[in-house]
Amino acid sequence: MTDTRTRADAADEVGRGPLSRGAAFVYRMLVLEGLIVLAMLPTLVVVLLLGRDASNVPFFTLALLPLAPALVAGISALGVWQRSPDLSPGRAFVLAYRRDLLPTLIWAVPATVGLSVLTFNLVHLDAVEGGAMIRPVLVVIVVVAVVWCGHMAVLTAGFRFRTRDAARIALAQLLSQWRFSLGILSLVLVAGALVLLVSELALLMFAWAFVALLALLARPVMTDVTERFTR
């Protein structure tokens, strides 16, 4: 009853017409974009200072660490906005960022360091005898690690599992939720193409769209995890 009344009050605040709802949606996405850019400022500074040289790829990878908390907070905020569509969307993002910062860093820091080491090896494989034979294996490991991070971001945003339990669930769902895994990989490929063909700033401008798409693709995963791993 209380939840229904809250949703009704929120709907009255936003407005019930399509124009009001459309304007509220645009407003939320603008707020989401601004907050993501703010959270990603350290990454942006590092990217602008480093040149587009292959040897800098490991440093780019390390610089992406702030992406994980911002991604988790964005997914969580989108869920809150769907349940309670009020006109204070920034509050949900900030609360989620503060709440999930430490749980996110617990898995994101080792994952980022591991990916940095892997990309360093990929960049310098030509200097190692037989490196060409190892490259496909390293590429597969990098892809699996990136997709696993996407699953972990969704689990951290939507649930309160212990880190090791969330890691096991994410690993188990790499194949069982293969559509979502392919969705993560597709978003990463599109982001990489946008950076190579346009610029890093162009990717940052569309950060809200990538987070919104990831949250949309994650809905079946959220439902499956809720049914199988929660009471």
C-alpha atoms as a PDB file:
ATOM      1  CA  MET A   1       0.000   0.000   0.000  1.00  0.00           C
ATOM      2  CA  THR A   2       2.821   2.380   0.938  1.00  0.00           C
ATOM      3  CA  ASP A   3       4.774   1.482  -2.198  1.00  0.00           C
ATOM      4  CA  THR A   4       1.706   2.119  -4.350  1.00  0.00           C
ATOM      5  CA  ARG A   5       1.142   5.485  -2.688  1.00  0.00           C
ATOM      6  CA  THR A   6       4.819   6.402  -3.207  1.00  0.00           C
ATOM      7  CA  ARG A   7       4.648   5.557  -6.892  1.00  0.00           C
ATOM      8  CA  ALA A   8       1.445   7.533  -7.244  1.00  0.00           C
ATOM      9  CA  ASP A   9       3.017  10.566  -5.547  1.00  0.00           C
ATOM     10  CA  ALA A  10       6.071  10.267  -7.799  1.00  0.00           C
ATOM     11  CA  ALA A  11       3.859  10.029 -10.870  1.00  0.00           C
ATOM     12  CA  ASP A  12       1.997  13.154  -9.769  1.00  0.00           C
ATOM     13  CA  GLU A  13       5.314  14.959  -9.342  1.00  0.00           C
ATOM     14  CA  VAL A  14       6.558  13.979 -12.807  1.00  0.00           C
ATOM     15  CA  GLY A  15       3.218  14.161 -14.564  1.00  0.00           C
ATOM     16  CA  ARG A  16       1.131  11.468 -16.204  1.00  0.00           C
ATOM     17  CA  GLY A  17       1.221  12.649 -19.813  1.00  0.00           C
ATOM     18  CA  PRO A  18       3.672  11.342 -22.455  1.00  0.00           C
ATOM     19  CA  LEU A  19       5.337  14.751 -22.802  1.00  0.00           C
ATOM     20  CA  SER A  20       5.972  14.997 -19.050  1.00  0.00           C
ATOM     21  CA  ARG A  21       7.297  11.467 -18.905  1.00  0.00           C
ATOM     22  CA  GLY A  22       9.510  12.051 -21.919  1.00  0.00           C
ATOM     23  CA  ALA A  23      10.924  15.229 -20.402  1.00  0.00           C
ATOM     24  CA  ALA A  24      11.538  13.425 -17.098  1.00  0.00           C
ATOM     25  CA  PHE A  25      13.361  10.626 -18.939  1.00  0.00           C
ATOM     26  CA  VAL A  26      15.619  13.114 -20.732  1.00  0.00           C
ATOM     27  CA  TYR A  27      16.283  14.886 -17.448  1.00  0.00           C
ATOM     28  CA  ARG A  28      17.267  11.642 -15.715  1.00  0.00           C
ATOM     29  CA  MET A  29      19.616  10.660 -18.546  1.00  0.00           C
ATOM     30  CA  LEU A  30      21.257  14.107 -18.444  1.00  0.00           C
ATOM     31  CA  VAL A  31      21.755  13.753 -14.697  1.00  0.00           C
ATOM     32  CA  LEU A  32      23.116  10.229 -15.188  1.00  0.00           C
ATOM     33  CA  GLU A  33      25.542  11.468 -17.840  1.00  0.00           C
ATOM     34  CA  GLY A  34      26.764  14.326 -15.654  1.00  0.00           C
ATOM     35  CA  LEU A  35      27.320  12.089 -12.635  1.00  0.00           C
ATOM     36  CA  ILE A  36      29.156   9.449 -14.686  1.00  0.00           C
ATOM     37  CA  VAL A  37      31.432  12.108 -16.179  1.00  0.00           C
ATOM     38  CA  LEU A  38      32.112  13.448 -12.689  1.00  0.00           C
ATOM     39  CA  ALA A  39      32.930   9.970 -11.387  1.00  0.00           C
ATOM     40  CA  MET A  40      35.170   9.302 -14.411  1.00  0.00           C
ATOM     41  CA  LEU A  41      37.224  12.514 -14.167  1.00  0.00           C
ATOM     42  CA  PRO A  42      40.402  10.685 -13.024  1.00  0.00           C
ATOM     43  CA  THR A  43      40.122   8.365 -16.028  1.00  0.00           C
ATOM     44  CA  LEU A  44      39.532  11.289 -18.361  1.00  0.00           C
ATOM     45  CA  VAL A  45      42.634  13.111 -17.092  1.00  0.00           C
ATOM     46  CA  VAL A  46      44.854  10.050 -17.575  1.00  0.00           C
ATOM     47  CA  VAL A  47      43.462   9.345 -21.050  1.00  0.00           C
ATOM     48  CA  LEU A  48      44.053  12.928 -22.162  1.00  0.00           C
ATOM     49  CA  LEU A  49      47.627  12.874 -20.857  1.00  0.00           C
ATOM     50  CA  LEU A  50      48.555   9.575 -22.491  1.00  0.00           C
ATOM     51  CA  GLY A  51      49.069   9.302 -26.227  1.00  0.00           C
ATOM     52  CA  ARG A  52      47.477   6.741 -28.537  1.00  0.00           C
ATOM     53  CA  ASP A  53      50.410   4.363 -28.412  1.00  0.00           C
ATOM     54  CA  ALA A  54      50.054   0.617 -27.992  1.00  0.00           C
ATOM     55  CA  SER A  55      52.528   0.658 -25.117  1.00  0.00           C
ATOM     56  CA  ASN A  56      50.075   2.789 -23.113  1.00  0.00           C
ATOM     57  CA  VAL A  57      47.258   0.205 -23.237  1.00  0.00           C
ATOM     58  CA  PRO A  58      48.077  -1.227 -19.765  1.00  0.00           C
ATOM     59  CA  PHE A  59      47.942   2.302 -18.301  1.00  0.00           C
ATOM     60  CA  PHE A  60      44.610   2.911 -20.043  1.00  0.00           C
ATOM     61  CA  THR A  61      43.352  -0.295 -18.461  1.00  0.00           C
ATOM     62  CA  LEU A  62      44.414   0.784 -14.974  1.00  0.00           C
ATOM     63  CA  ALA A  63      42.827   4.194 -15.550  1.00  0.00           C
ATOM     64  CA  LEU A  64      39.466   2.490 -16.112  1.00  0.00           C
ATOM     65  CA  LEU A  65      39.169   1.545 -12.425  1.00  0.00           C
ATOM     66  CA  PRO A  66      36.758   4.450 -11.636  1.00  0.00           C
ATOM     67  CA  LEU A  67      34.432   3.024 -14.288  1.00  0.00           C
ATOM     68  CA  ALA A  68      33.373   0.117 -12.067  1.00  0.00           C
ATOM     69  CA  PRO A  69      31.843   2.139  -9.179  1.00  0.00           C
ATOM     70  CA  ALA A  70      30.230   4.547 -11.650  1.00  0.00           C
ATOM     71  CA  LEU A  71      28.740   1.639 -13.609  1.00  0.00           C
ATOM     72  CA  VAL A  72      27.389  -0.050 -10.491  1.00  0.00           C
ATOM     73  CA  ALA A  73      25.874   3.210  -9.219  1.00  0.00           C
ATOM     74  CA  GLY A  74      24.330   3.921 -12.627  1.00  0.00           C
ATOM     75  CA  ILE A  75      22.685   0.498 -12.889  1.00  0.00           C
ATOM     76  CA  SER A  76      21.394   0.767  -9.334  1.00  0.00           C
ATOM     77  CA  ALA A  77      20.054   4.287  -9.907  1.00  0.00           C
ATOM     78  CA  LEU A  78      18.218   3.207 -13.065  1.00  0.00           C
ATOM     79  CA  GLY A  79      16.474   0.507 -11.051  1.00  0.00           C
ATOM     80  CA  VAL A  80      15.452   3.023  -8.398  1.00  0.00           C
ATOM     81  CA  TRP A  81      14.157   5.472 -11.020  1.00  0.00           C
ATOM     82  CA  GLN A  82      12.048   2.722 -12.552  1.00  0.00           C
ATOM     83  CA  ARG A  83      10.441   1.943  -9.189  1.00  0.00           C
ATOM     84  CA  SER A  84      10.132   5.548  -8.005  1.00  0.00           C
ATOM     85  CA  PRO A  85      10.138   8.026 -10.921  1.00  0.00           C
ATOM     86  CA  ASP A  86      10.583  11.264  -8.953  1.00  0.00           C
ATOM     87  CA  LEU A  87      12.422  14.425  -9.961  1.00  0.00           C
ATOM     88  CA  SER A  88      15.485  13.912  -7.731  1.00  0.00           C
ATOM     89  CA  PRO A  89      17.368  11.314  -9.785  1.00  0.00           C
ATOM     90  CA  GLY A  90      20.824  12.336  -8.618  1.00  0.00           C
ATOM     91  CA  ARG A  91      20.107  11.238  -5.060  1.00  0.00           C
ATOM     92  CA  ALA A  92      19.740   7.572  -6.059  1.00  0.00           C
ATOM     93  CA  PHE A  93      23.078   7.600  -7.905  1.00  0.00           C
ATOM     94  CA  VAL A  94      24.968   9.262  -5.035  1.00  0.00           C
ATOM     95  CA  LEU A  95      23.482   6.934  -2.423  1.00  0.00           C
ATOM     96  CA  ALA A  96      24.285   3.864  -4.530  1.00  0.00           C
ATOM     97  CA  TYR A  97      27.817   5.110  -5.227  1.00  0.00           C
ATOM     98  CA  ARG A  98      28.557   5.614  -1.533  1.00  0.00           C
ATOM     99  CA  ARG A  99      26.936   2.333  -0.507  1.00  0.00           C
ATOM    100  CA  ASP A 100      28.563   0.124  -3.159  1.00  0.00           C
ATOM    101  CA  LEU A 101      31.982   1.800  -3.510  1.00  0.00           C
ATOM    102  CA  LEU A 102      33.865  -0.566  -1.209  1.00  0.00           C
ATOM    103  CA  PRO A 103      32.089  -3.792  -2.332  1.00  0.00           C
ATOM    104  CA  THR A 104      32.819  -2.797  -5.934  1.00  0.00           C
ATOM    105  CA  LEU A 105      36.485  -2.010  -5.357  1.00  0.00           C
ATOM    106  CA  ILE A 106      37.011  -5.355  -3.620  1.00  0.00           C
ATOM    107  CA  TRP A 107      36.571  -7.146  -6.945  1.00  0.00           C
ATOM    108  CA  ALA A 108      37.319  -4.315  -9.381  1.00  0.00           C
ATOM    109  CA  VAL A 109      40.852  -3.552  -8.136  1.00  0.00           C
ATOM    110  CA  PRO A 110      42.255  -7.090  -8.628  1.00  0.00           C
ATOM    111  CA  ALA A 111      40.326  -7.435 -11.893  1.00  0.00           C
ATOM    112  CA  THR A 112      41.743  -4.161 -13.234  1.00  0.00           C
ATOM    113  CA  VAL A 113      45.289  -5.039 -12.175  1.00  0.00           C
ATOM    114  CA  GLY A 114      44.938  -8.483 -13.752  1.00  0.00           C
ATOM    115  CA  LEU A 115      43.630  -7.029 -17.009  1.00  0.00           C
ATOM    116  CA  SER A 116      46.480  -4.517 -17.011  1.00  0.00           C
ATOM    117  CA  VAL A 117      49.017  -7.320 -16.698  1.00  0.00           C
ATOM    118  CA  LEU A 118      47.307  -9.290 -19.465  1.00  0.00           C
ATOM    119  CA  THR A 119      47.230  -6.313 -21.845  1.00  0.00           C
ATOM    120  CA  PHE A 120      50.896  -5.595 -21.064  1.00  0.00           C
ATOM    121  CA  ASN A 121      51.746  -9.151 -22.089  1.00  0.00           C
ATOM    122  CA  LEU A 122      49.634  -8.855 -25.231  1.00  0.00           C
ATOM    123  CA  VAL A 123      51.394  -5.661 -26.272  1.00  0.00           C
ATOM    124  CA  HIS A 124      54.880  -7.123 -25.775  1.00  0.00           C
ATOM    125  CA  LEU A 125      54.291 -10.666 -27.049  1.00  0.00           C
ATOM    126  CA  ASP A 126      56.221  -9.965 -30.256  1.00  0.00           C
ATOM    127  CA  ALA A 127      59.385  -9.629 -28.179  1.00  0.00           C
ATOM    128  CA  VAL A 128      58.942 -13.181 -26.854  1.00  0.00           C
ATOM    129  CA  GLU A 129      59.806 -16.238 -28.898  1.00  0.00           C
ATOM    130  CA  GLY A 130      56.611 -18.142 -29.683  1.00  0.00           C
ATOM    131  CA  GLY A 131      54.474 -15.252 -28.502  1.00  0.00           C
ATOM    132  CA  ALA A 132      52.128 -15.531 -31.467  1.00  0.00           C
ATOM    133  CA  MET A 133      50.987 -18.933 -30.211  1.00  0.00           C
ATOM    134  CA  ILE A 134      50.107 -17.544 -26.796  1.00  0.00           C
ATOM    135  CA  ARG A 135      48.199 -14.497 -28.083  1.00  0.00           C
ATOM    136  CA  PRO A 136      44.845 -16.279 -28.773  1.00  0.00           C
ATOM    137  CA  VAL A 137      44.851 -17.736 -25.252  1.00  0.00           C
ATOM    138  CA  LEU A 138      45.499 -14.331 -23.678  1.00  0.00           C
ATOM    139  CA  VAL A 139      42.793 -12.724 -25.819  1.00  0.00           C
ATOM    140  CA  VAL A 140      40.256 -15.315 -24.654  1.00  0.00           C
ATOM    141  CA  ILE A 141      41.239 -14.728 -21.009  1.00  0.00           C
ATOM    142  CA  VAL A 142      40.857 -10.956 -21.451  1.00  0.00           C
ATOM    143  CA  VAL A 143      37.420 -11.371 -23.045  1.00  0.00           C
ATOM    144  CA  VAL A 144      36.238 -13.704 -20.283  1.00  0.00           C
ATOM    145  CA  ALA A 145      37.552 -11.319 -17.601  1.00  0.00           C
ATOM    146  CA  VAL A 146      35.802  -8.317 -19.156  1.00  0.00           C
ATOM    147  CA  VAL A 147      32.489 -10.164 -19.446  1.00  0.00           C
ATOM    148  CA  TRP A 148      32.853 -11.427 -15.866  1.00  0.00           C
ATOM    149  CA  CYS A 149      33.322  -7.831 -14.709  1.00  0.00           C
ATOM    150  CA  GLY A 150      30.077  -6.899 -16.452  1.00  0.00           C
ATOM    151  CA  HIS A 151      28.232  -9.647 -14.590  1.00  0.00           C
ATOM    152  CA  MET A 152      29.837  -8.565 -11.319  1.00  0.00           C
ATOM    153  CA  ALA A 153      28.724  -4.962 -11.861  1.00  0.00           C
ATOM    154  CA  VAL A 154      25.118  -6.106 -12.249  1.00  0.00           C
ATOM    155  CA  LEU A 155      25.269  -8.396  -9.209  1.00  0.00           C
ATOM    156  CA  THR A 156      26.847  -5.681  -7.062  1.00  0.00           C
ATOM    157  CA  ALA A 157      24.219  -3.152  -8.138  1.00  0.00           C
ATOM    158  CA  GLY A 158      21.232  -5.390  -7.569  1.00  0.00           C
ATOM    159  CA  PHE A 159      22.147  -7.694  -4.676  1.00  0.00           C
ATOM    160  CA  ARG A 160      24.059  -7.871  -1.385  1.00  0.00           C
ATOM    161  CA  PHE A 161      26.014 -11.079  -1.883  1.00  0.00           C
ATOM    162  CA  ARG A 162      29.406 -11.701  -0.349  1.00  0.00           C
ATOM    163  CA  THR A 163      32.118 -11.001  -2.895  1.00  0.00           C
ATOM    164  CA  ARG A 164      33.185 -14.622  -3.264  1.00  0.00           C
ATOM    165  CA  ASP A 165      29.562 -15.745  -3.714  1.00  0.00           C
ATOM    166  CA  ALA A 166      28.925 -13.047  -6.313  1.00  0.00           C
ATOM    167  CA  ALA A 167      32.137 -14.042  -8.121  1.00  0.00           C
ATOM    168  CA  ARG A 168      30.991 -17.668  -8.312  1.00  0.00           C
ATOM    169  CA  ILE A 169      27.524 -16.710  -9.540  1.00  0.00           C
ATOM    170  CA  ALA A 170      29.011 -14.392 -12.168  1.00  0.00           C
ATOM    171  CA  LEU A 171      31.379 -17.118 -13.355  1.00  0.00           C
ATOM    172  CA  ALA A 172      28.565 -19.678 -13.511  1.00  0.00           C
ATOM    173  CA  GLN A 173      26.374 -17.324 -15.523  1.00  0.00           C
ATOM    174  CA  LEU A 174      28.934 -16.560 -18.207  1.00  0.00           C
ATOM    175  CA  LEU A 175      27.468 -19.412 -20.247  1.00  0.00           C
ATOM    176  CA  SER A 176      24.001 -19.886 -18.741  1.00  0.00           C
ATOM    177  CA  GLN A 177      23.228 -16.203 -19.400  1.00  0.00           C
ATOM    178  CA  TRP A 178      25.063 -16.164 -22.711  1.00  0.00           C
ATOM    179  CA  ARG A 179      22.793 -13.523 -24.234  1.00  0.00           C
ATOM    180  CA  PHE A 180      23.802 -11.057 -21.558  1.00  0.00           C
ATOM    181  CA  SER A 181      27.454 -12.066 -21.937  1.00  0.00           C
ATOM    182  CA  LEU A 182      27.244 -11.369 -25.672  1.00  0.00           C
ATOM    183  CA  GLY A 183      25.533  -8.081 -24.896  1.00  0.00           C
ATOM    184  CA  ILE A 184      28.423  -7.024 -22.655  1.00  0.00           C
ATOM    185  CA  LEU A 185      30.933  -8.000 -25.320  1.00  0.00           C
ATOM    186  CA  SER A 186      28.979  -6.108 -27.987  1.00  0.00           C
ATOM    187  CA  LEU A 187      28.892  -2.938 -25.878  1.00  0.00           C
ATOM    188  CA  VAL A 188      32.655  -3.209 -25.279  1.00  0.00           C
ATOM    189  CA  LEU A 189      33.302  -3.619 -29.012  1.00  0.00           C
ATOM    190  CA  VAL A 190      31.089  -0.638 -29.863  1.00  0.00           C
ATOM    191  CA  ALA A 191      32.849   1.453 -27.213  1.00  0.00           C
ATOM    192  CA  GLY A 192      36.264   0.463 -28.594  1.00  0.00           C
ATOM    193  CA  ALA A 193      35.199   1.283 -32.156  1.00  0.00           C
ATOM    194  CA  LEU A 194      33.866   4.660 -31.025  1.00  0.00           C
ATOM    195  CA  VAL A 195      37.177   5.476 -29.356  1.00  0.00           C
ATOM    196  CA  LEU A 196      39.247   4.398 -32.362  1.00  0.00           C
ATOM    197  CA  LEU A 197      37.075   6.040 -35.019  1.00  0.00           C
ATOM    198  CA  VAL A 198      36.091   9.216 -33.164  1.00  0.00           C
ATOM    199  CA  SER A 199      37.617   9.973 -29.750  1.00  0.00           C
ATOM    200  CA  GLU A 200      37.511   9.139 -26.068  1.00  0.00           C
ATOM    201  CA  LEU A 201      35.379  12.237 -25.458  1.00  0.00           C
ATOM    202  CA  ALA A 202      32.731  10.923 -27.858  1.00  0.00           C
ATOM    203  CA  LEU A 203      32.518   7.730 -25.824  1.00  0.00           C
ATOM    204  CA  LEU A 204      32.161   9.746 -22.631  1.00  0.00           C
ATOM    205  CA  MET A 205      29.303  11.740 -24.166  1.00  0.00           C
ATOM    206  CA  PHE A 206      27.333   8.532 -24.714  1.00  0.00           C
ATOM    207  CA  ALA A 207      28.191   6.937 -21.362  1.00  0.00           C
ATOM    208  CA  TRP A 208      24.564   7.236 -20.241  1.00  0.00           C
ATOM    209  CA  ALA A 209      23.424   5.159 -23.220  1.00  0.00           C
ATOM    210  CA  PHE A 210      25.898   2.361 -22.502  1.00  0.00           C
ATOM    211  CA  VAL A 211      24.841   2.194 -18.841  1.00  0.00           C
ATOM    212  CA  ALA A 212      21.143   2.256 -19.775  1.00  0.00           C
ATOM    213  CA  LEU A 213      21.604  -0.506 -22.352  1.00  0.00           C
ATOM    214  CA  LEU A 214      23.574  -2.632 -19.897  1.00  0.00           C
ATOM    215  CA  ALA A 215      20.841  -2.227 -17.282  1.00  0.00           C
ATOM    216  CA  LEU A 216      18.197  -3.149 -19.868  1.00  0.00           C
ATOM    217  CA  LEU A 217      20.104  -6.248 -21.003  1.00  0.00           C
ATOM    218  CA  ALA A 218      20.604  -7.274 -17.370  1.00  0.00           C
ATOM    219  CA  ARG A 219      16.892  -7.610 -16.540  1.00  0.00           C
ATOM    220  CA  PRO A 220      16.724 -11.372 -17.293  1.00  0.00           C
ATOM    221  CA  VAL A 221      19.878 -11.868 -15.223  1.00  0.00           C
ATOM    222  CA  MET A 222      18.357  -9.979 -12.292  1.00  0.00           C
ATOM    223  CA  THR A 223      15.207 -12.111 -12.501  1.00  0.00           C
ATOM    224  CA  ASP A 224      17.162 -15.370 -12.724  1.00  0.00           C
ATOM    225  CA  VAL A 225      19.445 -14.529  -9.794  1.00  0.00           C
ATOM    226  CA  THR A 226      16.484 -13.417  -7.685  1.00  0.00           C
ATOM    227  CA  GLU A 227      14.637 -16.673  -8.305  1.00  0.00           C
ATOM    228  CA  ARG A 228      17.638 -18.979  -7.852  1.00  0.00           C
ATOM    229  CA  PHE A 229      19.813 -17.373  -5.213  1.00  0.00           C
ATOM    230  CA  THR A 230      17.533 -15.271  -2.987  1.00  0.00           C
ATOM    231  CA  ARG A 231      14.592 -15.995  -0.736  1.00  0.00           C
END
